[in-house]
């Protein structure tokens, strides 16, 4: 009987750890991303405001500054939902690029076909 409760305890801890998202290590640059509360689109933080263009996102390379900016993002609950730090790297053009497939997928938008901002983004990368 005790093994069952131990199993449930570890299962809950694992689920809780997985639900926290991707937490970058202190030395890893990161961007802050969330979803627009009204439209549901992915947005990225830039100078305390939000942009729909991931290439304009602010790349945080200092952990303390990133944490303060994340607190600012969380305080903007009337604009965005679910802000978090996402690992990124500086690309050859100096703009942030995702390091995880989930963030690359979010950056491209819906996977059914390109329309709207996805078509514009794809056309500018060709």
Protein backbone atom coordinates (compact mmCIF):
# COMPACT_ATOMS: atom_id res chain seq x y z
CA UNK A 1 0.00 0.00 0.00
CA UNK A 2 2.86 2.39 0.80
CA UNK A 3 4.40 1.86 -2.66
CA UNK A 4 1.25 3.16 -4.32
CA UNK A 5 1.38 6.46 -2.43
CA UNK A 6 5.10 6.80 -3.14
CA UNK A 7 4.38 6.24 -6.85
CA UNK A 8 1.63 8.91 -6.83
CA UNK A 9 3.93 11.36 -5.01
CA UNK A 10 6.72 10.98 -7.58
CA UNK A 11 4.26 11.12 -10.48
CA UNK A 12 2.84 14.42 -9.19
CA UNK A 13 6.33 15.87 -8.70
CA UNK A 14 7.32 14.90 -12.25
CA UNK A 15 4.13 16.42 -13.71
CA UNK A 16 4.68 19.61 -11.73
CA UNK A 17 8.29 19.88 -12.91
CA UNK A 18 7.27 19.30 -16.53
CA UNK A 19 4.51 21.91 -16.36
CA UNK A 20 6.98 24.66 -15.47
CA UNK A 21 8.12 24.87 -19.08
CA UNK A 22 11.66 25.36 -20.23
CA UNK A 23 13.81 27.10 -17.66
CA UNK A 24 17.12 28.24 -19.07
CA UNK A 25 20.28 27.79 -17.07
CA UNK A 26 21.86 30.97 -15.65
CA UNK A 27 24.47 31.20 -18.42
CA UNK A 28 21.97 30.66 -21.25
CA UNK A 29 20.49 33.68 -23.06
CA UNK A 30 16.70 33.80 -23.13
CA UNK A 31 13.73 35.70 -24.52
CA UNK A 32 10.40 36.25 -22.80
CA UNK A 33 7.41 34.92 -24.67
CA UNK A 34 3.70 34.67 -23.92
CA UNK A 35 0.33 34.59 -25.64
CA UNK A 36 -1.70 37.69 -26.41
CA UNK A 37 -4.71 37.63 -24.10
CA UNK A 38 -7.23 38.87 -26.67
CA UNK A 39 -6.08 37.15 -29.88
CA UNK A 40 -4.11 34.16 -28.57
CA UNK A 41 -1.13 34.86 -30.82
CA UNK A 42 2.42 34.27 -29.65
CA UNK A 43 4.16 37.47 -28.61
CA UNK A 44 7.69 38.31 -27.45
CA UNK A 45 8.88 41.01 -25.06
CA UNK A 46 10.83 43.96 -26.39
CA UNK A 47 11.72 46.93 -24.18
CA UNK A 48 8.85 46.20 -21.78
CA UNK A 49 6.28 46.02 -24.58
CA UNK A 50 5.11 43.13 -26.78
CA UNK A 51 5.81 42.37 -30.43
CA UNK A 52 4.38 39.70 -32.72
CA UNK A 53 7.68 39.49 -34.61
CA UNK A 54 10.06 37.06 -32.86
CA UNK A 55 13.02 38.63 -34.66
CA UNK A 56 12.44 41.84 -32.67
CA UNK A 57 12.45 40.09 -29.27
CA UNK A 58 14.87 41.30 -26.62
CA UNK A 59 17.59 38.75 -25.84
CA UNK A 60 18.38 38.66 -22.12
CA UNK A 61 21.90 37.50 -21.34
CA UNK A 62 21.90 38.48 -17.65
CA UNK A 63 19.83 36.22 -15.40
CA UNK A 64 18.91 38.98 -12.92
CA UNK A 65 17.67 41.32 -15.64
CA UNK A 66 15.74 38.47 -17.26
CA UNK A 67 14.03 37.63 -13.96
CA UNK A 68 13.04 41.28 -13.40
CA UNK A 69 11.67 41.51 -16.94
CA UNK A 70 9.74 38.28 -16.38
CA UNK A 71 8.17 39.77 -13.24
CA UNK A 72 7.19 42.80 -15.33
CA UNK A 73 5.66 40.48 -17.94
CA UNK A 74 3.70 38.58 -15.28
CA UNK A 75 2.36 41.91 -13.99
CA UNK A 76 0.89 42.61 -17.44
CA UNK A 77 -1.88 40.05 -16.92
CA UNK A 78 -4.38 42.27 -18.73
CA UNK A 79 -2.29 42.03 -21.94
CA UNK A 80 -0.64 38.59 -22.01
CA UNK A 81 -1.11 35.16 -20.49
CA UNK A 82 1.53 32.60 -19.52
CA UNK A 83 4.79 34.54 -19.91
CA UNK A 84 7.97 32.50 -19.49
CA UNK A 85 11.67 32.52 -20.30
CA UNK A 86 12.57 30.57 -23.42
CA UNK A 87 16.14 29.62 -24.28
CA UNK A 88 17.52 31.41 -27.32
CA UNK A 89 20.83 32.22 -28.96
CA UNK A 90 22.09 35.18 -30.91
CA UNK A 91 21.85 34.37 -34.62
CA UNK A 92 24.31 35.40 -37.33
CA UNK A 93 22.25 38.54 -37.95
CA UNK A 94 22.34 39.44 -34.24
CA UNK A 95 18.68 38.60 -33.68
CA UNK A 96 17.50 35.95 -31.23
CA UNK A 97 16.89 32.46 -32.56
CA UNK A 98 15.18 29.61 -30.69
CA UNK A 99 17.25 26.70 -29.42
CA UNK A 100 14.34 24.33 -28.78
CA UNK A 101 11.98 22.89 -31.39
CA UNK A 102 8.94 24.00 -29.36
CA UNK A 103 9.94 27.64 -29.62
CA UNK A 104 10.80 27.28 -33.32
CA UNK A 105 7.33 25.80 -33.84
CA UNK A 106 5.64 28.63 -31.90
CA UNK A 107 7.62 31.14 -33.93
CA UNK A 108 6.22 29.77 -37.21
CA UNK A 109 2.61 29.75 -36.04
CA UNK A 110 -0.11 27.25 -37.03
CA UNK A 111 1.17 24.22 -38.89
CA UNK A 112 -1.71 23.70 -41.33
CA UNK A 113 -0.59 26.24 -43.95
CA UNK A 114 0.99 29.67 -44.05
CA UNK A 115 -1.44 32.57 -43.95
CA UNK A 116 -1.39 36.06 -42.45
CA UNK A 117 1.74 36.79 -40.45
CA UNK A 118 3.20 33.34 -41.21
CA UNK A 119 3.09 33.99 -44.95
CA UNK A 120 4.73 37.40 -44.46
CA UNK A 121 7.39 35.92 -42.17
CA UNK A 122 8.15 33.08 -44.60
CA UNK A 123 8.35 35.46 -47.57
CA UNK A 124 10.84 37.70 -45.74
CA UNK A 125 13.10 34.70 -44.97
CA UNK A 126 13.38 33.49 -48.57
